[in-house]
Amino acid sequence: MEIAGGSYFLPPEEIPLLVGDQVVEVIGRTGEQEGVAWLSPMVQPKKHELTALIERQVYVLPVREMERLLSGAQSSAVVREYQSRFQ
């Protein structure tokens, strides 16, 4: 993921954990954990977004886009900053 000039990724071995409603690490360019990610909403069977908390900011990617990336159907997707409806 390219976000605000930084590069981040989810470890490939942790991708299956997302399906099990677990939180996975978000790794930065240096190889250090920079945040966490999960599929939202966590308490419902139908998932809509990959949600990532990186450096105190929340980002989202639609599940359909994530599935296309993982299958190789597309090589990039727009990750957007979460905007609360309550601001």
PDB file of N, CA and C in Angstrom:
ATOM      1  N   MET A   1       0.847  -1.170   0.000  1.00  0.00           N
ATOM      2  CA  MET A   1       0.000   0.000   0.000  1.00  0.00           C
ATOM      3  C   MET A   1       0.893   1.234   0.000  1.00  0.00           C
ATOM      4  N   GLU A   2       0.561   2.183  -0.828  1.00  0.00           N
ATOM      5  CA  GLU A   2       1.224   3.478  -0.818  1.00  0.00           C
ATOM      6  C   GLU A   2       0.272   4.459  -0.145  1.00  0.00           C
ATOM      7  N   ILE A   3       0.689   4.989   1.000  1.00  0.00           N
ATOM      8  CA  ILE A   3      -0.150   5.915   1.756  1.00  0.00           C
ATOM      9  C   ILE A   3       0.705   7.091   2.209  1.00  0.00           C
ATOM     10  N   ALA A   4       0.302   8.270   1.803  1.00  0.00           N
ATOM     11  CA  ALA A   4       0.958   9.512   2.234  1.00  0.00           C
ATOM     12  C   ALA A   4       2.471   9.434   2.109  1.00  0.00           C
ATOM     13  N   GLY A   5       2.945   8.930   0.989  1.00  0.00           N
ATOM     14  CA  GLY A   5       4.380   8.860   0.739  1.00  0.00           C
ATOM     15  C   GLY A   5       5.081   7.673   1.379  1.00  0.00           C
ATOM     16  N   GLY A   6       4.369   6.855   2.127  1.00  0.00           N
ATOM     17  CA  GLY A   6       4.958   5.679   2.758  1.00  0.00           C
ATOM     18  C   GLY A   6       4.494   4.410   2.081  1.00  0.00           C
ATOM     19  N   SER A   7       5.316   3.375   2.171  1.00  0.00           N
ATOM     20  CA  SER A   7       4.954   2.064   1.619  1.00  0.00           C
ATOM     21  C   SER A   7       4.712   1.095   2.762  1.00  0.00           C
ATOM     22  N   TYR A   8       3.603   0.365   2.672  1.00  0.00           N
ATOM     23  CA  TYR A   8       3.221  -0.583   3.709  1.00  0.00           C
ATOM     24  C   TYR A   8       2.717  -1.860   3.056  1.00  0.00           C
ATOM     25  N   PHE A   9       2.819  -2.975   3.769  1.00  0.00           N
ATOM     26  CA  PHE A   9       2.281  -4.224   3.249  1.00  0.00           C
ATOM     27  C   PHE A   9       1.794  -5.108   4.385  1.00  0.00           C
ATOM     28  N   LEU A  10       0.939  -6.054   4.019  1.00  0.00           N
ATOM     29  CA  LEU A  10       0.482  -7.083   4.950  1.00  0.00           C
ATOM     30  C   LEU A  10       1.295  -8.329   4.657  1.00  0.00           C
ATOM     31  N   PRO A  11       1.877  -8.969   5.664  1.00  0.00           N
ATOM     32  CA  PRO A  11       2.636 -10.189   5.411  1.00  0.00           C
ATOM     33  C   PRO A  11       1.741 -11.245   4.753  1.00  0.00           C
ATOM     34  N   PRO A  12       2.181 -11.829   3.643  1.00  0.00           N
ATOM     35  CA  PRO A  12       1.341 -12.800   2.921  1.00  0.00           C
ATOM     36  C   PRO A  12       0.847 -13.948   3.790  1.00  0.00           C
ATOM     37  N   GLU A  13       1.664 -14.400   4.738  1.00  0.00           N
ATOM     38  CA  GLU A  13       1.246 -15.513   5.593  1.00  0.00           C
ATOM     39  C   GLU A  13       0.139 -15.124   6.561  1.00  0.00           C
ATOM     40  N   GLU A  14      -0.090 -13.826   6.757  1.00  0.00           N
ATOM     41  CA  GLU A  14      -1.140 -13.375   7.667  1.00  0.00           C
ATOM     42  C   GLU A  14      -2.467 -13.091   6.967  1.00  0.00           C
ATOM     43  N   ILE A  15      -2.477 -13.034   5.637  1.00  0.00           N
ATOM     44  CA  ILE A  15      -3.710 -12.745   4.895  1.00  0.00           C
ATOM     45  C   ILE A  15      -4.835 -13.717   5.277  1.00  0.00           C
ATOM     46  N   PRO A  16      -4.580 -15.037   5.374  1.00  0.00           N
ATOM     47  CA  PRO A  16      -5.672 -15.942   5.766  1.00  0.00           C
ATOM     48  C   PRO A  16      -6.249 -15.640   7.156  1.00  0.00           C
ATOM     49  N   LEU A  17      -5.481 -15.027   8.026  1.00  0.00           N
ATOM     50  CA  LEU A  17      -5.974 -14.685   9.364  1.00  0.00           C
ATOM     51  C   LEU A  17      -7.094 -13.651   9.305  1.00  0.00           C
ATOM     52  N   LEU A  18      -7.073 -12.797   8.278  1.00  0.00           N
ATOM     53  CA  LEU A  18      -8.121 -11.788   8.126  1.00  0.00           C
ATOM     54  C   LEU A  18      -9.496 -12.427   8.015  1.00  0.00           C
ATOM     55  N   VAL A  19      -9.568 -13.541   7.289  1.00  0.00           N
ATOM     56  CA  VAL A  19     -10.844 -14.242   7.100  1.00  0.00           C
ATOM     57  C   VAL A  19     -11.366 -14.774   8.431  1.00  0.00           C
ATOM     58  N   GLY A  20     -10.469 -15.096   9.328  1.00  0.00           N
ATOM     59  CA  GLY A  20     -10.845 -15.583  10.658  1.00  0.00           C
ATOM     60  C   GLY A  20     -11.098 -14.472  11.652  1.00  0.00           C
ATOM     61  N   ASP A  21     -11.362 -13.259  11.147  1.00  0.00           N
ATOM     62  CA  ASP A  21     -11.659 -12.103  12.000  1.00  0.00           C
ATOM     63  C   ASP A  21     -10.531 -11.764  12.962  1.00  0.00           C
ATOM     64  N   GLN A  22      -9.297 -11.971  12.520  1.00  0.00           N
ATOM     65  CA  GLN A  22      -8.164 -11.608  13.352  1.00  0.00           C
ATOM     66  C   GLN A  22      -7.512 -10.329  12.827  1.00  0.00           C
ATOM     67  N   VAL A  23      -6.829  -9.657  13.695  1.00  0.00           N
ATOM     68  CA  VAL A  23      -6.073  -8.464  13.345  1.00  0.00           C
ATOM     69  C   VAL A  23      -4.690  -8.911  12.882  1.00  0.00           C
ATOM     70  N   VAL A  24      -4.191  -8.294  11.805  1.00  0.00           N
ATOM     71  CA  VAL A  24      -2.862  -8.637  11.284  1.00  0.00           C
ATOM     72  C   VAL A  24      -1.967  -7.408  11.308  1.00  0.00           C
ATOM     73  N   GLU A  25      -0.675  -7.625  11.215  1.00  0.00           N
ATOM     74  CA  GLU A  25       0.300  -6.543  11.223  1.00  0.00           C
ATOM     75  C   GLU A  25       0.343  -5.812   9.889  1.00  0.00           C
ATOM     76  N   VAL A  26       0.593  -4.520   9.949  1.00  0.00           N
ATOM     77  CA  VAL A  26       0.920  -3.728   8.776  1.00  0.00           C
ATOM     78  C   VAL A  26       2.400  -3.396   8.921  1.00  0.00           C
ATOM     79  N   ILE A  27       3.186  -3.781   7.930  1.00  0.00           N
ATOM     80  CA  ILE A  27       4.639  -3.624   7.981  1.00  0.00           C
ATOM     81  C   ILE A  27       5.055  -2.446   7.106  1.00  0.00           C
ATOM     82  N   GLY A  28       5.980  -1.641   7.602  1.00  0.00           N
ATOM     83  CA  GLY A  28       6.479  -0.493   6.862  1.00  0.00           C
ATOM     84  C   GLY A  28       7.711  -0.828   6.046  1.00  0.00           C
ATOM     85  N   ARG A  29       8.237   0.165   5.371  1.00  0.00           N
ATOM     86  CA  ARG A  29       9.398   0.024   4.474  1.00  0.00           C
ATOM     87  C   ARG A  29      10.616  -0.545   5.204  1.00  0.00           C
ATOM     88  N   THR A  30      10.761  -0.265   6.485  1.00  0.00           N
ATOM     89  CA  THR A  30      11.926  -0.725   7.249  1.00  0.00           C
ATOM     90  C   THR A  30      11.774  -2.154   7.774  1.00  0.00           C
ATOM     91  N   GLY A  31      10.599  -2.745   7.546  1.00  0.00           N
ATOM     92  CA  GLY A  31      10.348  -4.092   8.053  1.00  0.00           C
ATOM     93  C   GLY A  31       9.763  -4.124   9.450  1.00  0.00           C
ATOM     94  N   GLU A  32       9.504  -2.972  10.013  1.00  0.00           N
ATOM     95  CA  GLU A  32       8.925  -2.866  11.348  1.00  0.00           C
ATOM     96  C   GLU A  32       7.411  -2.765  11.270  1.00  0.00           C
ATOM     97  N   GLN A  33       6.744  -3.220  12.331  1.00  0.00           N
ATOM     98  CA  GLN A  33       5.292  -3.077  12.388  1.00  0.00           C
ATOM     99  C   GLN A  33       4.939  -1.600  12.542  1.00  0.00           C
ATOM    100  N   GLU A  34       4.101  -1.105  11.617  1.00  0.00           N
ATOM    101  CA  GLU A  34       3.690   0.294  11.625  1.00  0.00           C
ATOM    102  C   GLU A  34       2.220   0.463  11.998  1.00  0.00           C
ATOM    103  N   GLY A  35       1.485  -0.665  12.072  1.00  0.00           N
ATOM    104  CA  GLY A  35       0.068  -0.591  12.391  1.00  0.00           C
ATOM    105  C   GLY A  35      -0.567  -1.960  12.359  1.00  0.00           C
ATOM    106  N   VAL A  36      -1.895  -1.958  12.293  1.00  0.00           N
ATOM    107  CA  VAL A  36      -2.666  -3.196  12.248  1.00  0.00           C
ATOM    108  C   VAL A  36      -3.778  -3.056  11.218  1.00  0.00           C
ATOM    109  N   ALA A  37      -4.289  -4.200  10.742  1.00  0.00           N
ATOM    110  CA  ALA A  37      -5.388  -4.196   9.774  1.00  0.00           C
ATOM    111  C   ALA A  37      -6.362  -5.311  10.113  1.00  0.00           C
ATOM    112  N   TRP A  38      -7.613  -5.134   9.693  1.00  0.00           N
ATOM    113  CA  TRP A  38      -8.661  -6.124   9.914  1.00  0.00           C
ATOM    114  C   TRP A  38      -9.744  -5.916   8.872  1.00  0.00           C
ATOM    115  N   LEU A  39     -10.615  -6.919   8.731  1.00  0.00           N
ATOM    116  CA  LEU A  39     -11.764  -6.791   7.841  1.00  0.00           C
ATOM    117  C   LEU A  39     -12.943  -6.262   8.641  1.00  0.00           C
ATOM    118  N   SER A  40     -13.646  -5.287   8.078  1.00  0.00           N
ATOM    119  CA  SER A  40     -14.767  -4.642   8.773  1.00  0.00           C
ATOM    120  C   SER A  40     -16.076  -4.938   8.073  1.00  0.00           C
ATOM    121  N   PRO A  41     -17.161  -4.989   8.784  1.00  0.00           N
ATOM    122  CA  PRO A  41     -17.236  -4.975  10.241  1.00  0.00           C
ATOM    123  C   PRO A  41     -16.844  -6.335  10.814  1.00  0.00           C
ATOM    124  N   MET A  42     -16.229  -6.310  11.965  1.00  0.00           N
ATOM    125  CA  MET A  42     -15.714  -7.540  12.566  1.00  0.00           C
ATOM    126  C   MET A  42     -16.814  -8.441  13.106  1.00  0.00           C
ATOM    127  N   VAL A  43     -17.928  -7.875  13.524  1.00  0.00           N
ATOM    128  CA  VAL A  43     -18.959  -8.671  14.190  1.00  0.00           C
ATOM    129  C   VAL A  43     -20.044  -9.186  13.253  1.00  0.00           C
ATOM    130  N   GLN A  44     -19.934  -8.939  11.961  1.00  0.00           N
ATOM    131  CA  GLN A  44     -20.915  -9.428  11.001  1.00  0.00           C
ATOM    132  C   GLN A  44     -20.233 -10.319   9.964  1.00  0.00           C
ATOM    133  N   PRO A  45     -20.952 -11.298   9.438  1.00  0.00           N
ATOM    134  CA  PRO A  45     -20.327 -12.221   8.492  1.00  0.00           C
ATOM    135  C   PRO A  45     -19.909 -11.565   7.170  1.00  0.00           C
ATOM    136  N   LYS A  46     -20.665 -10.581   6.693  1.00  0.00           N
ATOM    137  CA  LYS A  46     -20.327  -9.941   5.416  1.00  0.00           C
ATOM    138  C   LYS A  46     -19.344  -8.806   5.665  1.00  0.00           C
ATOM    139  N   LYS A  47     -18.163  -8.923   5.074  1.00  0.00           N
ATOM    140  CA  LYS A  47     -17.123  -7.922   5.241  1.00  0.00           C
ATOM    141  C   LYS A  47     -17.170  -6.934   4.088  1.00  0.00           C
ATOM    142  N   HIS A  48     -16.980  -5.664   4.392  1.00  0.00           N
ATOM    143  CA  HIS A  48     -17.066  -4.619   3.380  1.00  0.00           C
ATOM    144  C   HIS A  48     -15.731  -3.965   3.066  1.00  0.00           C
ATOM    145  N   GLU A  49     -14.855  -3.883   4.066  1.00  0.00           N
ATOM    146  CA  GLU A  49     -13.617  -3.137   3.885  1.00  0.00           C
ATOM    147  C   GLU A  49     -12.459  -3.788   4.628  1.00  0.00           C
ATOM    148  N   LEU A  50     -11.275  -3.565   4.077  1.00  0.00           N
ATOM    149  CA  LEU A  50     -10.053  -3.799   4.824  1.00  0.00           C
ATOM    150  C   LEU A  50      -9.786  -2.477   5.525  1.00  0.00           C
ATOM    151  N   THR A  51      -9.688  -2.501   6.832  1.00  0.00           N
ATOM    152  CA  THR A  51      -9.439  -1.293   7.611  1.00  0.00           C
ATOM    153  C   THR A  51      -8.047  -1.396   8.201  1.00  0.00           C
ATOM    154  N   ALA A  52      -7.267  -0.329   8.087  1.00  0.00           N
ATOM    155  CA  ALA A  52      -5.904  -0.319   8.611  1.00  0.00           C
ATOM    156  C   ALA A  52      -5.700   0.901   9.490  1.00  0.00           C
ATOM    157  N   LEU A  53      -5.107   0.681  10.647  1.00  0.00           N
ATOM    158  CA  LEU A  53      -4.727   1.756  11.551  1.00  0.00           C
ATOM    159  C   LEU A  53      -3.215   1.892  11.449  1.00  0.00           C
ATOM    160  N   ILE A  54      -2.776   3.010  10.870  1.00  0.00           N
ATOM    161  CA  ILE A  54      -1.351   3.254  10.656  1.00  0.00           C
ATOM    162  C   ILE A  54      -1.029   4.647  11.179  1.00  0.00           C
ATOM    163  N   GLU A  55      -0.089   4.707  12.107  1.00  0.00           N
ATOM    164  CA  GLU A  55       0.345   5.987  12.665  1.00  0.00           C
ATOM    165  C   GLU A  55      -0.831   6.861  13.099  1.00  0.00           C
ATOM    166  N   ARG A  56      -1.743   6.290  13.876  1.00  0.00           N
ATOM    167  CA  ARG A  56      -2.903   6.974  14.452  1.00  0.00           C
ATOM    168  C   ARG A  56      -3.902   7.486  13.423  1.00  0.00           C
ATOM    169  N   GLN A  57      -3.853   6.946  12.217  1.00  0.00           N
ATOM    170  CA  GLN A  57      -4.820   7.316  11.184  1.00  0.00           C
ATOM    171  C   GLN A  57      -5.443   6.040  10.625  1.00  0.00           C
ATOM    172  N   VAL A  58      -6.735   6.093  10.309  1.00  0.00           N
ATOM    173  CA  VAL A  58      -7.453   4.926   9.795  1.00  0.00           C
ATOM    174  C   VAL A  58      -7.615   5.060   8.284  1.00  0.00           C
ATOM    175  N   TYR A  59      -7.323   3.971   7.574  1.00  0.00           N
ATOM    176  CA  TYR A  59      -7.457   3.905   6.117  1.00  0.00           C
ATOM    177  C   TYR A  59      -8.338   2.721   5.760  1.00  0.00           C
ATOM    178  N   VAL A  60      -9.037   2.811   4.634  1.00  0.00           N
ATOM    179  CA  VAL A  60      -9.922   1.729   4.215  1.00  0.00           C
ATOM    180  C   VAL A  60      -9.724   1.401   2.735  1.00  0.00           C
ATOM    181  N   LEU A  61      -9.970   0.142   2.433  1.00  0.00           N
ATOM    182  CA  LEU A  61      -9.924  -0.372   1.070  1.00  0.00           C
ATOM    183  C   LEU A  61     -11.097  -1.330   0.929  1.00  0.00           C
ATOM    184  N   PRO A  62     -11.969  -1.133  -0.063  1.00  0.00           N
ATOM    185  CA  PRO A  62     -13.092  -2.055  -0.234  1.00  0.00           C
ATOM    186  C   PRO A  62     -12.608  -3.505  -0.411  1.00  0.00           C
ATOM    187  N   VAL A  63     -13.344  -4.443   0.159  1.00  0.00           N
ATOM    188  CA  VAL A  63     -12.973  -5.860   0.078  1.00  0.00           C
ATOM    189  C   VAL A  63     -12.863  -6.312  -1.378  1.00  0.00           C
ATOM    190  N   ARG A  64     -13.750  -5.836  -2.243  1.00  0.00           N
ATOM    191  CA  ARG A  64     -13.682  -6.223  -3.665  1.00  0.00           C
ATOM    192  C   ARG A  64     -12.341  -5.844  -4.277  1.00  0.00           C
ATOM    193  N   GLU A  65     -11.851  -4.651  -3.942  1.00  0.00           N
ATOM    194  CA  GLU A  65     -10.554  -4.207  -4.460  1.00  0.00           C
ATOM    195  C   GLU A  65      -9.436  -5.099  -3.921  1.00  0.00           C
ATOM    196  N   MET A  66      -9.500  -5.432  -2.629  1.00  0.00           N
ATOM    197  CA  MET A  66      -8.490  -6.294  -2.030  1.00  0.00           C
ATOM    198  C   MET A  66      -8.488  -7.665  -2.701  1.00  0.00           C
ATOM    199  N   GLU A  67      -9.669  -8.214  -2.965  1.00  0.00           N
ATOM    200  CA  GLU A  67      -9.764  -9.518  -3.622  1.00  0.00           C
ATOM    201  C   GLU A  67      -9.163  -9.470  -5.020  1.00  0.00           C
ATOM    202  N   ARG A  68      -9.401  -8.376  -5.756  1.00  0.00           N
ATOM    203  CA  ARG A  68      -8.822  -8.229  -7.101  1.00  0.00           C
ATOM    204  C   ARG A  68      -7.304  -8.140  -7.038  1.00  0.00           C
ATOM    205  N   LEU A  69      -6.786  -7.466  -6.035  1.00  0.00           N
ATOM    206  CA  LEU A  69      -5.335  -7.379  -5.872  1.00  0.00           C
ATOM    207  C   LEU A  69      -4.737  -8.746  -5.575  1.00  0.00           C
ATOM    208  N   LEU A  70      -5.353  -9.466  -4.646  1.00  0.00           N
ATOM    209  CA  LEU A  70      -4.835 -10.782  -4.258  1.00  0.00           C
ATOM    210  C   LEU A  70      -4.901 -11.790  -5.394  1.00  0.00           C
ATOM    211  N   SER A  71      -5.917 -11.680  -6.257  1.00  0.00           N
ATOM    212  CA  SER A  71      -6.052 -12.624  -7.369  1.00  0.00           C
ATOM    213  C   SER A  71      -5.175 -12.247  -8.557  1.00  0.00           C
ATOM    214  N   GLY A  72      -4.622 -11.039  -8.529  1.00  0.00           N
ATOM    215  CA  GLY A  72      -3.802 -10.588  -9.649  1.00  0.00           C
ATOM    216  C   GLY A  72      -4.608  -9.940 -10.767  1.00  0.00           C
ATOM    217  N   ALA A  73      -5.912  -9.767 -10.566  1.00  0.00           N
ATOM    218  CA  ALA A  73      -6.762  -9.150 -11.580  1.00  0.00           C
ATOM    219  C   ALA A  73      -6.446  -7.668 -11.767  1.00  0.00           C
ATOM    220  N   GLN A  74      -5.861  -7.048 -10.763  1.00  0.00           N
ATOM    221  CA  GLN A  74      -5.408  -5.665 -10.889  1.00  0.00           C
ATOM    222  C   GLN A  74      -4.146  -5.509 -10.057  1.00  0.00           C
ATOM    223  N   SER A  75      -3.351  -4.503 -10.393  1.00  0.00           N
ATOM    224  CA  SER A  75      -2.063  -4.347  -9.713  1.00  0.00           C
ATOM    225  C   SER A  75      -2.050  -3.192  -8.713  1.00  0.00           C
ATOM    226  N   SER A  76      -3.101  -2.373  -8.694  1.00  0.00           N
ATOM    227  CA  SER A  76      -3.140  -1.291  -7.719  1.00  0.00           C
ATOM    228  C   SER A  76      -4.588  -0.936  -7.385  1.00  0.00           C
ATOM    229  N   ALA A  77      -4.749  -0.268  -6.257  1.00  0.00           N
ATOM    230  CA  ALA A  77      -6.070   0.175  -5.807  1.00  0.00           C
ATOM    231  C   ALA A  77      -5.887   1.423  -4.959  1.00  0.00           C
ATOM    232  N   VAL A  78      -6.904   2.221  -4.875  1.00  0.00           N
ATOM    233  CA  VAL A  78      -6.849   3.445  -4.080  1.00  0.00           C
ATOM    234  C   VAL A  78      -7.230   3.132  -2.641  1.00  0.00           C
ATOM    235  N   VAL A  79      -6.319   3.399  -1.737  1.00  0.00           N
ATOM    236  CA  VAL A  79      -6.579   3.282  -0.305  1.00  0.00           C
ATOM    237  C   VAL A  79      -6.953   4.683   0.150  1.00  0.00           C
ATOM    238  N   ARG A  80      -8.105   4.802   0.794  1.00  0.00           N
ATOM    239  CA  ARG A  80      -8.542   6.135   1.190  1.00  0.00           C
ATOM    240  C   ARG A  80      -8.541   6.300   2.700  1.00  0.00           C
ATOM    241  N   GLU A  81      -8.357   7.529   3.121  1.00  0.00           N
ATOM    242  CA  GLU A  81      -8.383   7.865   4.536  1.00  0.00           C
ATOM    243  C   GLU A  81      -9.832   7.823   5.010  1.00  0.00           C
ATOM    244  N   TYR A  82     -10.058   7.195   6.145  1.00  0.00           N
ATOM    245  CA  TYR A  82     -11.397   7.085   6.710  1.00  0.00           C
ATOM    246  C   TYR A  82     -11.867   8.456   7.171  1.00  0.00           C
ATOM    247  N   GLN A  83     -13.084   8.796   6.791  1.00  0.00           N
ATOM    248  CA  GLN A  83     -13.704  10.050   7.217  1.00  0.00           C
ATOM    249  C   GLN A  83     -14.953   9.713   8.027  1.00  0.00           C
ATOM    250  N   SER A  84     -14.953  10.062   9.280  1.00  0.00           N
ATOM    251  CA  SER A  84     -16.083   9.787  10.152  1.00  0.00           C
ATOM    252  C   SER A  84     -17.298  10.628   9.751  1.00  0.00           C
ATOM    253  N   ARG A  85     -18.456  10.030   9.859  1.00  0.00           N
ATOM    254  CA  ARG A  85     -19.696  10.768   9.614  1.00  0.00           C
ATOM    255  C   ARG A  85     -20.027  11.695  10.760  1.00  0.00           C
ATOM    256  N   PHE A  86     -19.335  11.564  11.875  1.00  0.00           N
ATOM    257  CA  PHE A  86     -19.652  12.322  13.083  1.00  0.00           C
ATOM    258  C   PHE A  86     -18.742  13.511  13.292  1.00  0.00           C
ATOM    259  N   GLN A  87     -17.976  13.897  12.276  1.00  0.00           N
ATOM    260  CA  GLN A  87     -17.060  15.042  12.438  1.00  0.00           C
ATOM    261  C   GLN A  87     -17.803  16.339  12.358  1.00  0.00           C
TER     262      GLN A  87
END
